[in-house]
Amino acid sequence: MKMGVSSIIKFVGNVNRINEYREADWTAEQIQVAFAAQGLKLKVMADDFPLMANQAELCRKAMPKAAVRADISAIDSASAAVGAG
């Protein structure tokens, strides 16, 4: 698959979003659901995202940074509430 500049930017950005979720201890399945909510259908294999299998989808549309931050904040807030209760 030949990638133009726009596709490369989306691809790299989406890989960064996956890493942000991973740093927040999200599972591959949770990340897959979060991306699906933004219209990106990723394939998961052995709790990981094979880049070649997902390349076309990762180049198609960018996952918004704000969506990732909101998702992580929501989980952190829920965890804090459970810990306080």
PDB file of N, CA and C in Angstrom:
ATOM      1  N   MET A   1       0.850  -1.182   0.000  1.00  0.00           N
ATOM      2  CA  MET A   1       0.000   0.000   0.000  1.00  0.00           C
ATOM      3  C   MET A   1       0.890   1.238   0.000  1.00  0.00           C
ATOM      4  N   LYS A   2       0.686   2.098  -0.973  1.00  0.00           N
ATOM      5  CA  LYS A   2       1.426   3.350  -1.045  1.00  0.00           C
ATOM      6  C   LYS A   2       0.748   4.370  -0.133  1.00  0.00           C
ATOM      7  N   MET A   3       1.568   5.055   0.682  1.00  0.00           N
ATOM      8  CA  MET A   3       1.003   6.008   1.629  1.00  0.00           C
ATOM      9  C   MET A   3       1.495   7.418   1.305  1.00  0.00           C
ATOM     10  N   GLY A   4       0.531   8.349   1.219  1.00  0.00           N
ATOM     11  CA  GLY A   4       0.864   9.754   1.046  1.00  0.00           C
ATOM     12  C   GLY A   4       1.124  10.390   2.404  1.00  0.00           C
ATOM     13  N   VAL A   5       1.468  11.654   2.384  1.00  0.00           N
ATOM     14  CA  VAL A   5       1.791  12.372   3.615  1.00  0.00           C
ATOM     15  C   VAL A   5       0.617  12.352   4.589  1.00  0.00           C
ATOM     16  N   SER A   6      -0.581  12.602   4.114  1.00  0.00           N
ATOM     17  CA  SER A   6      -1.763  12.609   4.973  1.00  0.00           C
ATOM     18  C   SER A   6      -1.975  11.250   5.640  1.00  0.00           C
ATOM     19  N   SER A   7      -1.814  10.188   4.876  1.00  0.00           N
ATOM     20  CA  SER A   7      -1.982   8.836   5.417  1.00  0.00           C
ATOM     21  C   SER A   7      -0.926   8.514   6.461  1.00  0.00           C
ATOM     22  N   ILE A   8       0.302   8.957   6.212  1.00  0.00           N
ATOM     23  CA  ILE A   8       1.387   8.703   7.165  1.00  0.00           C
ATOM     24  C   ILE A   8       1.114   9.431   8.475  1.00  0.00           C
ATOM     25  N   ILE A   9       0.647  10.666   8.391  1.00  0.00           N
ATOM     26  CA  ILE A   9       0.331  11.444   9.598  1.00  0.00           C
ATOM     27  C   ILE A   9      -0.768  10.749  10.403  1.00  0.00           C
ATOM     28  N   LYS A  10      -1.816  10.292   9.727  1.00  0.00           N
ATOM     29  CA  LYS A  10      -2.898   9.589  10.419  1.00  0.00           C
ATOM     30  C   LYS A  10      -2.393   8.295  11.046  1.00  0.00           C
ATOM     31  N   PHE A  11      -1.588   7.542  10.296  1.00  0.00           N
ATOM     32  CA  PHE A  11      -1.053   6.275  10.775  1.00  0.00           C
ATOM     33  C   PHE A  11      -0.222   6.482  12.044  1.00  0.00           C
ATOM     34  N   VAL A  12       0.727   7.400  11.991  1.00  0.00           N
ATOM     35  CA  VAL A  12       1.596   7.662  13.142  1.00  0.00           C
ATOM     36  C   VAL A  12       0.778   8.179  14.323  1.00  0.00           C
ATOM     37  N   GLY A  13      -0.168   9.067  14.053  1.00  0.00           N
ATOM     38  CA  GLY A  13      -1.023   9.584  15.117  1.00  0.00           C
ATOM     39  C   GLY A  13      -1.837   8.489  15.775  1.00  0.00           C
ATOM     40  N   ASN A  14      -2.406   7.596  14.981  1.00  0.00           N
ATOM     41  CA  ASN A  14      -3.206   6.501  15.532  1.00  0.00           C
ATOM     42  C   ASN A  14      -2.355   5.523  16.343  1.00  0.00           C
ATOM     43  N   VAL A  15      -1.138   5.269  15.905  1.00  0.00           N
ATOM     44  CA  VAL A  15      -0.235   4.419  16.689  1.00  0.00           C
ATOM     45  C   VAL A  15       0.067   5.115  18.019  1.00  0.00           C
ATOM     46  N   ASN A  16       0.262   6.427  17.984  1.00  0.00           N
ATOM     47  CA  ASN A  16       0.472   7.177  19.231  1.00  0.00           C
ATOM     48  C   ASN A  16      -0.746   7.082  20.144  1.00  0.00           C
ATOM     49  N   ARG A  17      -1.965   7.160  19.575  1.00  0.00           N
ATOM     50  CA  ARG A  17      -3.181   7.036  20.392  1.00  0.00           C
ATOM     51  C   ARG A  17      -3.251   5.651  21.040  1.00  0.00           C
ATOM     52  N   ILE A  18      -2.905   4.610  20.289  1.00  0.00           N
ATOM     53  CA  ILE A  18      -2.888   3.253  20.850  1.00  0.00           C
ATOM     54  C   ILE A  18      -1.911   3.204  22.025  1.00  0.00           C
ATOM     55  N   ASN A  19      -0.739   3.799  21.844  1.00  0.00           N
ATOM     56  CA  ASN A  19       0.259   3.812  22.920  1.00  0.00           C
ATOM     57  C   ASN A  19      -0.237   4.583  24.140  1.00  0.00           C
ATOM     58  N   GLU A  20      -0.973   5.662  23.936  1.00  0.00           N
ATOM     59  CA  GLU A  20      -1.524   6.425  25.061  1.00  0.00           C
ATOM     60  C   GLU A  20      -2.507   5.567  25.861  1.00  0.00           C
ATOM     61  N   TYR A  21      -3.352   4.834  25.159  1.00  0.00           N
ATOM     62  CA  TYR A  21      -4.262   3.919  25.853  1.00  0.00           C
ATOM     63  C   TYR A  21      -3.473   2.845  26.600  1.00  0.00           C
ATOM     64  N   ARG A  22      -2.455   2.290  25.967  1.00  0.00           N
ATOM     65  CA  ARG A  22      -1.642   1.245  26.590  1.00  0.00           C
ATOM     66  C   ARG A  22      -0.969   1.763  27.855  1.00  0.00           C
ATOM     67  N   GLU A  23      -0.471   3.006  27.804  1.00  0.00           N
ATOM     68  CA  GLU A  23       0.173   3.605  28.974  1.00  0.00           C
ATOM     69  C   GLU A  23      -0.816   3.769  30.131  1.00  0.00           C
ATOM     70  N   ALA A  24      -2.101   3.864  29.797  1.00  0.00           N
ATOM     71  CA  ALA A  24      -3.148   3.962  30.820  1.00  0.00           C
ATOM     72  C   ALA A  24      -3.670   2.572  31.202  1.00  0.00           C
ATOM     73  N   ASP A  25      -2.957   1.531  30.797  1.00  0.00           N
ATOM     74  CA  ASP A  25      -3.273   0.132  31.131  1.00  0.00           C
ATOM     75  C   ASP A  25      -4.568  -0.378  30.520  1.00  0.00           C
ATOM     76  N   TRP A  26      -4.929   0.092  29.349  1.00  0.00           N
ATOM     77  CA  TRP A  26      -6.093  -0.424  28.645  1.00  0.00           C
ATOM     78  C   TRP A  26      -5.706  -1.697  27.907  1.00  0.00           C
ATOM     79  N   THR A  27      -6.650  -2.633  27.818  1.00  0.00           N
ATOM     80  CA  THR A  27      -6.423  -3.864  27.052  1.00  0.00           C
ATOM     81  C   THR A  27      -6.661  -3.581  25.576  1.00  0.00           C
ATOM     82  N   ALA A  28      -6.197  -4.485  24.746  1.00  0.00           N
ATOM     83  CA  ALA A  28      -6.403  -4.343  23.305  1.00  0.00           C
ATOM     84  C   ALA A  28      -7.895  -4.301  22.968  1.00  0.00           C
ATOM     85  N   GLU A  29      -8.676  -5.100  23.675  1.00  0.00           N
ATOM     86  CA  GLU A  29     -10.113  -5.137  23.409  1.00  0.00           C
ATOM     87  C   GLU A  29     -10.772  -3.797  23.769  1.00  0.00           C
ATOM     88  N   GLN A  30     -10.355  -3.191  24.873  1.00  0.00           N
ATOM     89  CA  GLN A  30     -10.898  -1.884  25.256  1.00  0.00           C
ATOM     90  C   GLN A  30     -10.519  -0.822  24.219  1.00  0.00           C
ATOM     91  N   ILE A  31      -9.285  -0.881  23.748  1.00  0.00           N
ATOM     92  CA  ILE A  31      -8.822   0.071  22.737  1.00  0.00           C
ATOM     93  C   ILE A  31      -9.589  -0.133  21.440  1.00  0.00           C
ATOM     94  N   GLN A  32      -9.814  -1.379  21.079  1.00  0.00           N
ATOM     95  CA  GLN A  32     -10.565  -1.695  19.866  1.00  0.00           C
ATOM     96  C   GLN A  32     -11.961  -1.082  19.923  1.00  0.00           C
ATOM     97  N   VAL A  33     -12.623  -1.167  21.059  1.00  0.00           N
ATOM     98  CA  VAL A  33     -13.963  -0.607  21.240  1.00  0.00           C
ATOM     99  C   VAL A  33     -13.908   0.921  21.151  1.00  0.00           C
ATOM    100  N   ALA A  34     -12.886   1.529  21.752  1.00  0.00           N
ATOM    101  CA  ALA A  34     -12.750   2.988  21.711  1.00  0.00           C
ATOM    102  C   ALA A  34     -12.543   3.477  20.276  1.00  0.00           C
ATOM    103  N   PHE A  35     -11.716   2.786  19.520  1.00  0.00           N
ATOM    104  CA  PHE A  35     -11.495   3.162  18.121  1.00  0.00           C
ATOM    105  C   PHE A  35     -12.769   2.939  17.304  1.00  0.00           C
ATOM    106  N   ALA A  36     -13.490   1.859  17.578  1.00  0.00           N
ATOM    107  CA  ALA A  36     -14.735   1.578  16.861  1.00  0.00           C
ATOM    108  C   ALA A  36     -15.762   2.690  17.096  1.00  0.00           C
ATOM    109  N   ALA A  37     -15.765   3.255  18.302  1.00  0.00           N
ATOM    110  CA  ALA A  37     -16.686   4.351  18.608  1.00  0.00           C
ATOM    111  C   ALA A  37     -16.398   5.582  17.749  1.00  0.00           C
ATOM    112  N   GLN A  38     -15.184   5.676  17.236  1.00  0.00           N
ATOM    113  CA  GLN A  38     -14.806   6.784  16.354  1.00  0.00           C
ATOM    114  C   GLN A  38     -14.826   6.371  14.879  1.00  0.00           C
ATOM    115  N   GLY A  39     -15.338   5.173  14.609  1.00  0.00           N
ATOM    116  CA  GLY A  39     -15.480   4.715  13.224  1.00  0.00           C
ATOM    117  C   GLY A  39     -14.268   4.011  12.645  1.00  0.00           C
ATOM    118  N   LEU A  40     -13.366   3.562  13.497  1.00  0.00           N
ATOM    119  CA  LEU A  40     -12.168   2.845  13.049  1.00  0.00           C
ATOM    120  C   LEU A  40     -12.251   1.401  13.526  1.00  0.00           C
ATOM    121  N   LYS A  41     -12.244   0.465  12.601  1.00  0.00           N
ATOM    122  CA  LYS A  41     -12.378  -0.948  12.936  1.00  0.00           C
ATOM    123  C   LYS A  41     -11.005  -1.619  12.882  1.00  0.00           C
ATOM    124  N   LEU A  42     -10.435  -1.864  14.059  1.00  0.00           N
ATOM    125  CA  LEU A  42      -9.114  -2.474  14.145  1.00  0.00           C
ATOM    126  C   LEU A  42      -9.209  -3.955  14.450  1.00  0.00           C
ATOM    127  N   LYS A  43      -8.237  -4.694  13.947  1.00  0.00           N
ATOM    128  CA  LYS A  43      -8.144  -6.126  14.210  1.00  0.00           C
ATOM    129  C   LYS A  43      -7.193  -6.343  15.380  1.00  0.00           C
ATOM    130  N   VAL A  44      -7.583  -7.230  16.291  1.00  0.00           N
ATOM    131  CA  VAL A  44      -6.756  -7.573  17.450  1.00  0.00           C
ATOM    132  C   VAL A  44      -6.338  -9.027  17.326  1.00  0.00           C
ATOM    133  N   MET A  45      -5.059  -9.279  17.597  1.00  0.00           N
ATOM    134  CA  MET A  45      -4.546 -10.650  17.616  1.00  0.00           C
ATOM    135  C   MET A  45      -3.633 -10.790  18.826  1.00  0.00           C
ATOM    136  N   ALA A  46      -3.922 -11.729  19.689  1.00  0.00           N
ATOM    137  CA  ALA A  46      -3.086 -12.007  20.866  1.00  0.00           C
ATOM    138  C   ALA A  46      -2.831 -10.740  21.677  1.00  0.00           C
ATOM    139  N   ASP A  47      -3.896 -10.000  21.968  1.00  0.00           N
ATOM    140  CA  ASP A  47      -3.843  -8.769  22.764  1.00  0.00           C
ATOM    141  C   ASP A  47      -2.911  -7.720  22.170  1.00  0.00           C
ATOM    142  N   ASP A  48      -2.846  -7.675  20.837  1.00  0.00           N
ATOM    143  CA  ASP A  48      -2.013  -6.692  20.154  1.00  0.00           C
ATOM    144  C   ASP A  48      -2.667  -6.320  18.824  1.00  0.00           C
ATOM    145  N   PHE A  49      -2.149  -5.268  18.222  1.00  0.00           N
ATOM    146  CA  PHE A  49      -2.654  -4.779  16.941  1.00  0.00           C
ATOM    147  C   PHE A  49      -1.600  -4.998  15.868  1.00  0.00           C
ATOM    148  N   PRO A  50      -1.774  -6.019  15.017  1.00  0.00           N
ATOM    149  CA  PRO A  50      -0.798  -6.222  13.942  1.00  0.00           C
ATOM    150  C   PRO A  50      -0.862  -5.045  12.959  1.00  0.00           C
ATOM    151  N   LEU A  51       0.251  -4.347  12.820  1.00  0.00           N
ATOM    152  CA  LEU A  51       0.258  -3.119  12.016  1.00  0.00           C
ATOM    153  C   LEU A  51      -0.084  -3.372  10.553  1.00  0.00           C
ATOM    154  N   MET A  52       0.434  -4.442   9.980  1.00  0.00           N
ATOM    155  CA  MET A  52       0.150  -4.687   8.564  1.00  0.00           C
ATOM    156  C   MET A  52      -1.331  -5.013   8.343  1.00  0.00           C
ATOM    157  N   ALA A  53      -1.937  -5.734   9.265  1.00  0.00           N
ATOM    158  CA  ALA A  53      -3.353  -6.070   9.141  1.00  0.00           C
ATOM    159  C   ALA A  53      -4.238  -4.849   9.341  1.00  0.00           C
ATOM    160  N   ASN A  54      -3.737  -3.849  10.071  1.00  0.00           N
ATOM    161  CA  ASN A  54      -4.520  -2.648  10.379  1.00  0.00           C
ATOM    162  C   ASN A  54      -4.064  -1.409   9.617  1.00  0.00           C
ATOM    163  N   GLN A  55      -3.077  -1.550   8.774  1.00  0.00           N
ATOM    164  CA  GLN A  55      -2.479  -0.390   8.102  1.00  0.00           C
ATOM    165  C   GLN A  55      -3.506   0.466   7.361  1.00  0.00           C
ATOM    166  N   ALA A  56      -4.320  -0.137   6.546  1.00  0.00           N
ATOM    167  CA  ALA A  56      -5.290   0.630   5.765  1.00  0.00           C
ATOM    168  C   ALA A  56      -6.248   1.401   6.664  1.00  0.00           C
ATOM    169  N   GLU A  57      -6.708   0.766   7.723  1.00  0.00           N
ATOM    170  CA  GLU A  57      -7.656   1.421   8.639  1.00  0.00           C
ATOM    171  C   GLU A  57      -6.971   2.534   9.434  1.00  0.00           C
ATOM    172  N   LEU A  58      -5.730   2.305   9.856  1.00  0.00           N
ATOM    173  CA  LEU A  58      -4.998   3.318  10.617  1.00  0.00           C
ATOM    174  C   LEU A  58      -4.656   4.539   9.764  1.00  0.00           C
ATOM    175  N   CYS A  59      -4.599   4.361   8.446  1.00  0.00           N
ATOM    176  CA  CYS A  59      -4.306   5.463   7.518  1.00  0.00           C
ATOM    177  C   CYS A  59      -5.567   6.200   7.076  1.00  0.00           C
ATOM    178  N   ARG A  60      -6.723   5.601   7.263  1.00  0.00           N
ATOM    179  CA  ARG A  60      -7.979   6.131   6.737  1.00  0.00           C
ATOM    180  C   ARG A  60      -8.494   7.348   7.503  1.00  0.00           C
ATOM    181  N   LYS A  61      -8.430   7.291   8.805  1.00  0.00           N
ATOM    182  CA  LYS A  61      -9.025   8.325   9.645  1.00  0.00           C
ATOM    183  C   LYS A  61      -8.222   8.456  10.930  1.00  0.00           C
ATOM    184  N   ALA A  62      -8.085   9.676  11.423  1.00  0.00           N
ATOM    185  CA  ALA A  62      -7.335   9.900  12.663  1.00  0.00           C
ATOM    186  C   ALA A  62      -8.250   9.788  13.874  1.00  0.00           C
ATOM    187  N   MET A  63      -7.764   9.099  14.896  1.00  0.00           N
ATOM    188  CA  MET A  63      -8.447   9.026  16.193  1.00  0.00           C
ATOM    189  C   MET A  63      -8.171  10.347  16.907  1.00  0.00           C
ATOM    190  N   PRO A  64      -9.201  11.102  17.276  1.00  0.00           N
ATOM    191  CA  PRO A  64      -8.973  12.394  17.930  1.00  0.00           C
ATOM    192  C   PRO A  64      -8.294  12.254  19.298  1.00  0.00           C
ATOM    193  N   LYS A  65      -7.277  13.092  19.525  1.00  0.00           N
ATOM    194  CA  LYS A  65      -6.588  13.094  20.820  1.00  0.00           C
ATOM    195  C   LYS A  65      -7.578  13.367  21.947  1.00  0.00           C
ATOM    196  N   ALA A  66      -8.523  14.265  21.698  1.00  0.00           N
ATOM    197  CA  ALA A  66      -9.506  14.628  22.729  1.00  0.00           C
ATOM    198  C   ALA A  66     -10.343  13.421  23.140  1.00  0.00           C
ATOM    199  N   ALA A  67     -10.656  12.544  22.214  1.00  0.00           N
ATOM    200  CA  ALA A  67     -11.440  11.347  22.537  1.00  0.00           C
ATOM    201  C   ALA A  67     -10.650  10.420  23.448  1.00  0.00           C
ATOM    202  N   VAL A  68      -9.361  10.291  23.176  1.00  0.00           N
ATOM    203  CA  VAL A  68      -8.506   9.430  24.013  1.00  0.00           C
ATOM    204  C   VAL A  68      -8.424  10.008  25.421  1.00  0.00           C
ATOM    205  N   ARG A  69      -8.174  11.299  25.511  1.00  0.00           N
ATOM    206  CA  ARG A  69      -8.081  11.944  26.829  1.00  0.00           C
ATOM    207  C   ARG A  69      -9.387  11.793  27.607  1.00  0.00           C
ATOM    208  N   ALA A  70     -10.510  11.981  26.935  1.00  0.00           N
ATOM    209  CA  ALA A  70     -11.812  11.847  27.594  1.00  0.00           C
ATOM    210  C   ALA A  70     -12.032  10.416  28.077  1.00  0.00           C
ATOM    211  N   ASP A  71     -11.694   9.439  27.251  1.00  0.00           N
ATOM    212  CA  ASP A  71     -11.849   8.029  27.635  1.00  0.00           C
ATOM    213  C   ASP A  71     -11.002   7.700  28.860  1.00  0.00           C
ATOM    214  N   ILE A  72      -9.749   8.107  28.824  1.00  0.00           N
ATOM    215  CA  ILE A  72      -8.837   7.801  29.928  1.00  0.00           C
ATOM    216  C   ILE A  72      -9.286   8.519  31.199  1.00  0.00           C
ATOM    217  N   SER A  73      -9.709   9.776  31.071  1.00  0.00           N
ATOM    218  CA  SER A  73     -10.190  10.532  32.236  1.00  0.00           C
ATOM    219  C   SER A  73     -11.429   9.883  32.838  1.00  0.00           C
ATOM    220  N   ALA A  74     -12.332   9.410  31.989  1.00  0.00           N
ATOM    221  CA  ALA A  74     -13.557   8.768  32.473  1.00  0.00           C
ATOM    222  C   ALA A  74     -13.229   7.510  33.273  1.00  0.00           C
ATOM    223  N   ILE A  75     -12.295   6.718  32.783  1.00  0.00           N
ATOM    224  CA  ILE A  75     -11.904   5.499  33.493  1.00  0.00           C
ATOM    225  C   ILE A  75     -11.191   5.853  34.793  1.00  0.00           C
ATOM    226  N   ASP A  76     -10.293   6.848  34.749  1.00  0.00           N
ATOM    227  CA  ASP A  76      -9.583   7.272  35.964  1.00  0.00           C
ATOM    228  C   ASP A  76     -10.563   7.793  37.019  1.00  0.00           C
ATOM    229  N   SER A  77     -11.558   8.569  36.574  1.00  0.00           N
ATOM    230  CA  SER A  77     -12.556   9.102  37.506  1.00  0.00           C
ATOM    231  C   SER A  77     -13.395   7.980  38.122  1.00  0.00           C
ATOM    232  N   ALA A  78     -13.782   7.025  37.304  1.00  0.00           N
ATOM    233  CA  ALA A  78     -14.565   5.892  37.801  1.00  0.00           C
ATOM    234  C   ALA A  78     -13.737   5.060  38.779  1.00  0.00           C
ATOM    235  N   SER A  79     -12.478   4.871  38.493  1.00  0.00           N
ATOM    236  CA  SER A  79     -11.598   4.110  39.386  1.00  0.00           C
ATOM    237  C   SER A  79     -11.409   4.833  40.711  1.00  0.00           C
ATOM    238  N   ALA A  80     -11.266   6.145  40.646  1.00  0.00           N
ATOM    239  CA  ALA A  80     -11.104   6.931  41.866  1.00  0.00           C
ATOM    240  C   ALA A  80     -12.365   6.867  42.718  1.00  0.00           C
ATOM    241  N   ALA A  81     -13.528   6.917  42.070  1.00  0.00           N
ATOM    242  CA  ALA A  81     -14.796   6.857  42.791  1.00  0.00           C
ATOM    243  C   ALA A  81     -14.964   5.499  43.475  1.00  0.00           C
ATOM    244  N   VAL A  82     -14.571   4.435  42.801  1.00  0.00           N
ATOM    245  CA  VAL A  82     -14.670   3.100  43.387  1.00  0.00           C
ATOM    246  C   VAL A  82     -13.693   2.973  44.553  1.00  0.00           C
ATOM    247  N   GLY A  83     -12.488   3.533  44.392  1.00  0.00           N
ATOM    248  CA  GLY A  83     -11.504   3.471  45.469  1.00  0.00           C
ATOM    249  C   GLY A  83     -11.898   4.285  46.688  1.00  0.00           C
ATOM    250  N   ALA A  84     -12.660   5.362  46.456  1.00  0.00           N
ATOM    251  CA  ALA A  84     -13.083   6.214  47.562  1.00  0.00           C
ATOM    252  C   ALA A  84     -14.294   5.635  48.299  1.00  0.00           C
ATOM    253  N   GLY A  85     -14.998   4.725  47.623  1.00  0.00           N
ATOM    254  CA  GLY A  85     -16.244   4.217  48.182  1.00  0.00           C
ATOM    255  C   GLY A  85     -16.120   3.057  49.045  1.00  0.00           C
TER     256      GLY A  85
END
